[in-house]
């Protein structure tokens, strides 16, 4: 490509660029869109956390009903280790 051809193409590109800017300016004025001042952008935020279904977590069950012996109903041991039942079977 020669220097004359290059300069001619450069002039055409500059002319097209100015026409495009003029047309886009007219479009913005008519529609009120695409300008950063008038643009109403919706912002998408993180979703809210929702309580899930199912069994409650262990942190809510602290201090609830200790296991009791099936024989004497006292807490701290089970029927197999019950001292009252062991006394009964020993004698």
C-alpha atoms as a PDB file:
ATOM      1  CA  UNK A   1       0.000   0.000   0.000  1.00  0.00           C
ATOM      2  CA  UNK A   2       1.313   3.414  -0.855  1.00  0.00           C
ATOM      3  CA  UNK A   3       1.490   6.446   1.359  1.00  0.00           C
ATOM      4  CA  UNK A   4      -1.290   8.151  -0.622  1.00  0.00           C
ATOM      5  CA  UNK A   5      -3.603   5.130  -0.197  1.00  0.00           C
ATOM      6  CA  UNK A   6      -2.821   4.984   3.503  1.00  0.00           C
ATOM      7  CA  UNK A   7      -3.607   8.665   4.013  1.00  0.00           C
ATOM      8  CA  UNK A   8      -6.850   8.310   2.024  1.00  0.00           C
ATOM      9  CA  UNK A   9      -7.983   5.347   4.193  1.00  0.00           C
ATOM     10  CA  UNK A  10      -6.992   7.180   7.360  1.00  0.00           C
ATOM     11  CA  UNK A  11      -9.138  10.153   6.303  1.00  0.00           C
ATOM     12  CA  UNK A  12     -12.120   7.881   5.533  1.00  0.00           C
ATOM     13  CA  UNK A  13     -11.801   6.162   8.913  1.00  0.00           C
ATOM     14  CA  UNK A  14     -11.667   9.509  10.717  1.00  0.00           C
ATOM     15  CA  UNK A  15     -14.750  10.687   8.795  1.00  0.00           C
ATOM     16  CA  UNK A  16     -16.667   7.488   9.634  1.00  0.00           C
ATOM     17  CA  UNK A  17     -15.660   7.798  13.268  1.00  0.00           C
ATOM     18  CA  UNK A  18     -17.004  11.353  13.496  1.00  0.00           C
ATOM     19  CA  UNK A  19     -20.262  10.332  11.800  1.00  0.00           C
ATOM     20  CA  UNK A  20     -20.677   7.416  14.209  1.00  0.00           C
ATOM     21  CA  UNK A  21     -20.105   9.690  17.212  1.00  0.00           C
ATOM     22  CA  UNK A  22     -22.638  12.168  15.861  1.00  0.00           C
ATOM     23  CA  UNK A  23     -25.222   9.429  15.301  1.00  0.00           C
ATOM     24  CA  UNK A  24     -24.660   7.928  18.745  1.00  0.00           C
ATOM     25  CA  UNK A  25     -25.088  11.410  20.282  1.00  0.00           C
ATOM     26  CA  UNK A  26     -28.419  11.821  18.504  1.00  0.00           C
ATOM     27  CA  UNK A  27     -29.486   8.393  19.659  1.00  0.00           C
ATOM     28  CA  UNK A  28     -28.644   9.222  23.277  1.00  0.00           C
ATOM     29  CA  UNK A  29     -30.621  12.444  23.123  1.00  0.00           C
ATOM     30  CA  UNK A  30     -33.691  10.741  21.643  1.00  0.00           C
ATOM     31  CA  UNK A  31     -33.698   7.623  23.805  1.00  0.00           C
ATOM     32  CA  UNK A  32     -31.990   8.852  26.939  1.00  0.00           C
ATOM     33  CA  UNK A  33     -29.916   5.668  27.045  1.00  0.00           C
ATOM     34  CA  UNK A  34     -26.273   4.722  27.034  1.00  0.00           C
ATOM     35  CA  UNK A  35     -25.110   7.825  28.881  1.00  0.00           C
ATOM     36  CA  UNK A  36     -23.477   7.067  32.201  1.00  0.00           C
ATOM     37  CA  UNK A  37     -25.322   9.922  33.917  1.00  0.00           C
ATOM     38  CA  UNK A  38     -28.792   8.702  32.969  1.00  0.00           C
ATOM     39  CA  UNK A  39     -28.156   4.958  33.202  1.00  0.00           C
ATOM     40  CA  UNK A  40     -30.140   3.228  35.935  1.00  0.00           C
ATOM     41  CA  UNK A  41     -28.126   0.138  36.756  1.00  0.00           C
ATOM     42  CA  UNK A  42     -29.663  -2.597  38.900  1.00  0.00           C
ATOM     43  CA  UNK A  43     -27.187  -3.983  41.414  1.00  0.00           C
ATOM     44  CA  UNK A  44     -27.462  -7.689  42.155  1.00  0.00           C
ATOM     45  CA  UNK A  45     -26.636  -8.549  45.749  1.00  0.00           C
ATOM     46  CA  UNK A  46     -25.919 -11.829  47.517  1.00  0.00           C
ATOM     47  CA  UNK A  47     -29.019 -13.908  48.291  1.00  0.00           C
ATOM     48  CA  UNK A  48     -30.389 -14.026  51.831  1.00  0.00           C
ATOM     49  CA  UNK A  49     -29.538 -17.128  53.838  1.00  0.00           C
ATOM     50  CA  UNK A  50     -32.530 -19.362  54.481  1.00  0.00           C
ATOM     51  CA  UNK A  51     -32.972 -21.717  57.408  1.00  0.00           C
ATOM     52  CA  UNK A  52     -32.795 -25.257  56.058  1.00  0.00           C
ATOM     53  CA  UNK A  53     -35.074 -28.138  56.870  1.00  0.00           C
ATOM     54  CA  UNK A  54     -33.969 -31.242  58.701  1.00  0.00           C
ATOM     55  CA  UNK A  55     -32.729 -32.136  62.131  1.00  0.00           C
ATOM     56  CA  UNK A  56     -31.530 -29.220  64.256  1.00  0.00           C
ATOM     57  CA  UNK A  57     -27.804 -28.865  64.696  1.00  0.00           C
ATOM     58  CA  UNK A  58     -26.061 -30.150  67.823  1.00  0.00           C
ATOM     59  CA  UNK A  59     -25.340 -26.668  69.158  1.00  0.00           C
ATOM     60  CA  UNK A  60     -29.025 -26.183  69.977  1.00  0.00           C
ATOM     61  CA  UNK A  61     -29.277 -29.479  71.924  1.00  0.00           C
ATOM     62  CA  UNK A  62     -26.748 -28.687  74.673  1.00  0.00           C
ATOM     63  CA  UNK A  63     -27.923 -29.418  78.179  1.00  0.00           C
ATOM     64  CA  UNK A  64     -31.055 -31.247  77.063  1.00  0.00           C
ATOM     65  CA  UNK A  65     -32.061 -34.489  78.834  1.00  0.00           C
ATOM     66  CA  UNK A  66     -29.066 -36.471  79.995  1.00  0.00           C
ATOM     67  CA  UNK A  67     -29.259 -40.213  79.443  1.00  0.00           C
ATOM     68  CA  UNK A  68     -30.825 -42.007  82.411  1.00  0.00           C
ATOM     69  CA  UNK A  69     -30.688 -45.535  83.634  1.00  0.00           C
ATOM     70  CA  UNK A  70     -33.589 -47.707  82.490  1.00  0.00           C
ATOM     71  CA  UNK A  71     -33.831 -49.386  85.908  1.00  0.00           C
ATOM     72  CA  UNK A  72     -33.362 -46.725  88.603  1.00  0.00           C
ATOM     73  CA  UNK A  73     -33.979 -43.645  86.383  1.00  0.00           C
ATOM     74  CA  UNK A  74     -30.869 -41.866  87.712  1.00  0.00           C
ATOM     75  CA  UNK A  75     -28.591 -39.998  85.302  1.00  0.00           C
ATOM     76  CA  UNK A  76     -24.911 -40.796  84.731  1.00  0.00           C
ATOM     77  CA  UNK A  77     -25.104 -44.493  83.883  1.00  0.00           C
ATOM     78  CA  UNK A  78     -27.161 -47.033  81.954  1.00  0.00           C
ATOM     79  CA  UNK A  79     -28.934 -50.228  82.976  1.00  0.00           C
ATOM     80  CA  UNK A  80     -25.874 -52.397  82.310  1.00  0.00           C
ATOM     81  CA  UNK A  81     -23.701 -50.340  84.720  1.00  0.00           C
ATOM     82  CA  UNK A  82     -26.442 -49.598  87.258  1.00  0.00           C
ATOM     83  CA  UNK A  83     -25.115 -49.888  90.846  1.00  0.00           C
ATOM     84  CA  UNK A  84     -28.604 -50.540  92.254  1.00  0.00           C
ATOM     85  CA  UNK A  85     -29.233 -53.422  89.869  1.00  0.00           C
ATOM     86  CA  UNK A  86     -25.758 -54.860  90.551  1.00  0.00           C
ATOM     87  CA  UNK A  87     -26.547 -54.916  94.305  1.00  0.00           C
ATOM     88  CA  UNK A  88     -29.790 -56.771  93.634  1.00  0.00           C
ATOM     89  CA  UNK A  89     -28.046 -59.474  91.577  1.00  0.00           C
ATOM     90  CA  UNK A  90     -25.133 -59.825  93.971  1.00  0.00           C
ATOM     91  CA  UNK A  91     -27.378 -60.824  96.905  1.00  0.00           C
END
